[in-house]
C-alpha atoms as a PDB file:
ATOM      1  CA  UNK A   1     -10.901 -46.683  43.462  1.00  0.00           C
ATOM      2  CA  UNK A   2     -13.045 -42.986  44.611  1.00  0.00           C
ATOM      3  CA  UNK A   3     -12.677 -41.382  41.119  1.00  0.00           C
ATOM      4  CA  UNK A   4     -12.860 -37.098  42.334  1.00  0.00           C
ATOM      5  CA  UNK A   5      -9.825 -37.710  45.014  1.00  0.00           C
ATOM      6  CA  UNK A   6      -8.580 -40.522  43.073  1.00  0.00           C
ATOM      7  CA  UNK A   7      -8.382 -38.642  39.533  1.00  0.00           C
ATOM      8  CA  UNK A   8      -6.818 -35.474  41.536  1.00  0.00           C
ATOM      9  CA  UNK A   9      -4.526 -37.219  43.130  1.00  0.00           C
ATOM     10  CA  UNK A  10      -3.110 -38.646  39.817  1.00  0.00           C
ATOM     11  CA  UNK A  11      -3.225 -35.147  38.353  1.00  0.00           C
ATOM     12  CA  UNK A  12      -1.055 -33.529  41.337  1.00  0.00           C
ATOM     13  CA  UNK A  13       1.547 -36.801  41.185  1.00  0.00           C
ATOM     14  CA  UNK A  14       1.594 -35.784  37.272  1.00  0.00           C
ATOM     15  CA  UNK A  15       2.533 -32.563  38.013  1.00  0.00           C
ATOM     16  CA  UNK A  16       5.367 -33.156  40.504  1.00  0.00           C
ATOM     17  CA  UNK A  17       6.635 -35.955  38.750  1.00  0.00           C
ATOM     18  CA  UNK A  18       6.975 -33.329  35.478  1.00  0.00           C
ATOM     19  CA  UNK A  19       8.782 -30.709  37.979  1.00  0.00           C
ATOM     20  CA  UNK A  20      12.129 -31.763  38.156  1.00  0.00           C
ATOM     21  CA  UNK A  21      12.081 -32.972  34.249  1.00  0.00           C
ATOM     22  CA  UNK A  22      10.932 -29.574  33.401  1.00  0.00           C
ATOM     23  CA  UNK A  23      14.196 -28.141  35.336  1.00  0.00           C
ATOM     24  CA  UNK A  24      16.600 -30.971  33.256  1.00  0.00           C
ATOM     25  CA  UNK A  25      14.830 -29.376  30.142  1.00  0.00           C
ATOM     26  CA  UNK A  26      16.377 -26.547  30.210  1.00  0.00           C
ATOM     27  CA  UNK A  27      20.041 -27.190  30.466  1.00  0.00           C
ATOM     28  CA  UNK A  28      19.320 -29.197  27.118  1.00  0.00           C
ATOM     29  CA  UNK A  29      19.351 -28.160  23.379  1.00  0.00           C
ATOM     30  CA  UNK A  30      15.389 -27.721  22.140  1.00  0.00           C
ATOM     31  CA  UNK A  31      14.386 -30.893  19.972  1.00  0.00           C
ATOM     32  CA  UNK A  32      17.501 -33.064  20.866  1.00  0.00           C
ATOM     33  CA  UNK A  33      17.466 -36.501  22.293  1.00  0.00           C
ATOM     34  CA  UNK A  34      18.279 -35.479  26.073  1.00  0.00           C
ATOM     35  CA  UNK A  35      15.159 -32.805  25.467  1.00  0.00           C
ATOM     36  CA  UNK A  36      12.809 -35.296  24.469  1.00  0.00           C
ATOM     37  CA  UNK A  37      13.636 -37.690  26.968  1.00  0.00           C
ATOM     38  CA  UNK A  38      12.836 -35.114  29.808  1.00  0.00           C
ATOM     39  CA  UNK A  39       9.712 -34.952  28.079  1.00  0.00           C
ATOM     40  CA  UNK A  40       8.534 -38.121  27.644  1.00  0.00           C
ATOM     41  CA  UNK A  41      10.595 -40.339  30.667  1.00  0.00           C
ATOM     42  CA  UNK A  42       7.074 -39.404  32.933  1.00  0.00           C
ATOM     43  CA  UNK A  43       4.482 -40.650  31.077  1.00  0.00           C
ATOM     44  CA  UNK A  44       5.013 -44.382  31.484  1.00  0.00           C
ATOM     45  CA  UNK A  45       5.040 -43.792  35.189  1.00  0.00           C
ATOM     46  CA  UNK A  46       1.812 -41.644  34.675  1.00  0.00           C
ATOM     47  CA  UNK A  47       0.431 -44.382  32.111  1.00  0.00           C
ATOM     48  CA  UNK A  48       1.531 -46.918  35.102  1.00  0.00           C
ATOM     49  CA  UNK A  49      -0.516 -45.508  37.834  1.00  0.00           C
ATOM     50  CA  UNK A  50      -3.372 -45.166  35.871  1.00  0.00           C
ATOM     51  CA  UNK A  51      -3.690 -48.783  34.595  1.00  0.00           C
ATOM     52  CA  UNK A  52      -2.685 -49.949  38.551  1.00  0.00           C
ATOM     53  CA  UNK A  53      -5.500 -47.540  39.986  1.00  0.00           C
ATOM     54  CA  UNK A  54      -8.181 -48.714  37.397  1.00  0.00           C
ATOM     55  CA  UNK A  55      -8.795 -45.090  36.176  1.00  0.00           C
ATOM     56  CA  UNK A  56     -10.640 -44.869  32.873  1.00  0.00           C
ATOM     57  CA  UNK A  57      -8.825 -43.638  29.960  1.00  0.00           C
ATOM     58  CA  UNK A  58     -10.990 -40.539  29.450  1.00  0.00           C
ATOM     59  CA  UNK A  59      -8.985 -38.780  32.327  1.00  0.00           C
ATOM     60  CA  UNK A  60      -5.679 -39.462  29.926  1.00  0.00           C
ATOM     61  CA  UNK A  61      -5.734 -35.492  28.571  1.00  0.00           C
ATOM     62  CA  UNK A  62      -6.513 -34.146  32.343  1.00  0.00           C
ATOM     63  CA  UNK A  63      -3.251 -35.778  33.103  1.00  0.00           C
ATOM     64  CA  UNK A  64      -1.488 -34.529  29.994  1.00  0.00           C
ATOM     65  CA  UNK A  65      -2.913 -31.083  30.933  1.00  0.00           C
ATOM     66  CA  UNK A  66      -1.042 -31.607  34.618  1.00  0.00           C
ATOM     67  CA  UNK A  67       1.948 -33.046  33.036  1.00  0.00           C
ATOM     68  CA  UNK A  68       2.940 -30.113  30.579  1.00  0.00           C
ATOM     69  CA  UNK A  69       2.131 -27.720  33.407  1.00  0.00           C
ATOM     70  CA  UNK A  70       4.688 -29.711  35.340  1.00  0.00           C
ATOM     71  CA  UNK A  71       7.281 -29.025  32.843  1.00  0.00           C
ATOM     72  CA  UNK A  72       6.214 -25.576  32.322  1.00  0.00           C
ATOM     73  CA  UNK A  73       6.390 -24.928  36.218  1.00  0.00           C
ATOM     74  CA  UNK A  74       9.884 -27.203  36.458  1.00  0.00           C
ATOM     75  CA  UNK A  75      11.379 -24.617  33.703  1.00  0.00           C
ATOM     76  CA  UNK A  76      10.330 -21.387  35.663  1.00  0.00           C
ATOM     77  CA  UNK A  77      11.216 -22.314  38.913  1.00  0.00           C
ATOM     78  CA  UNK A  78      15.222 -22.759  37.347  1.00  0.00           C
ATOM     79  CA  UNK A  79      14.581 -19.904  36.055  1.00  0.00           C
ATOM     80  CA  UNK A  80      13.767 -17.883  39.345  1.00  0.00           C
ATOM     81  CA  UNK A  81      16.467 -19.879  41.093  1.00  0.00           C
ATOM     82  CA  UNK A  82      19.047 -18.909  38.705  1.00  0.00           C
ATOM     83  CA  UNK A  83      17.942 -15.073  38.579  1.00  0.00           C
ATOM     84  CA  UNK A  84      18.256 -15.188  42.259  1.00  0.00           C
END
């Protein structure tokens, strides 16, 4: 894998994959089982992509940052559409 483009692609996948889960998370009670599931459900998918592409583990914090960003952005998009 070509690392700069491959790592960037996985980051974007992590962000996009977490958007709907961030959206759904806003409908759940904080710290409930559904809330925890919304946060953790995309992690195995991103991990499998990382393993399949043989990306080094050193990039995991970067993928985590983009995943958190996707969760936050998904929640903000839901709030924006709700107020419109």
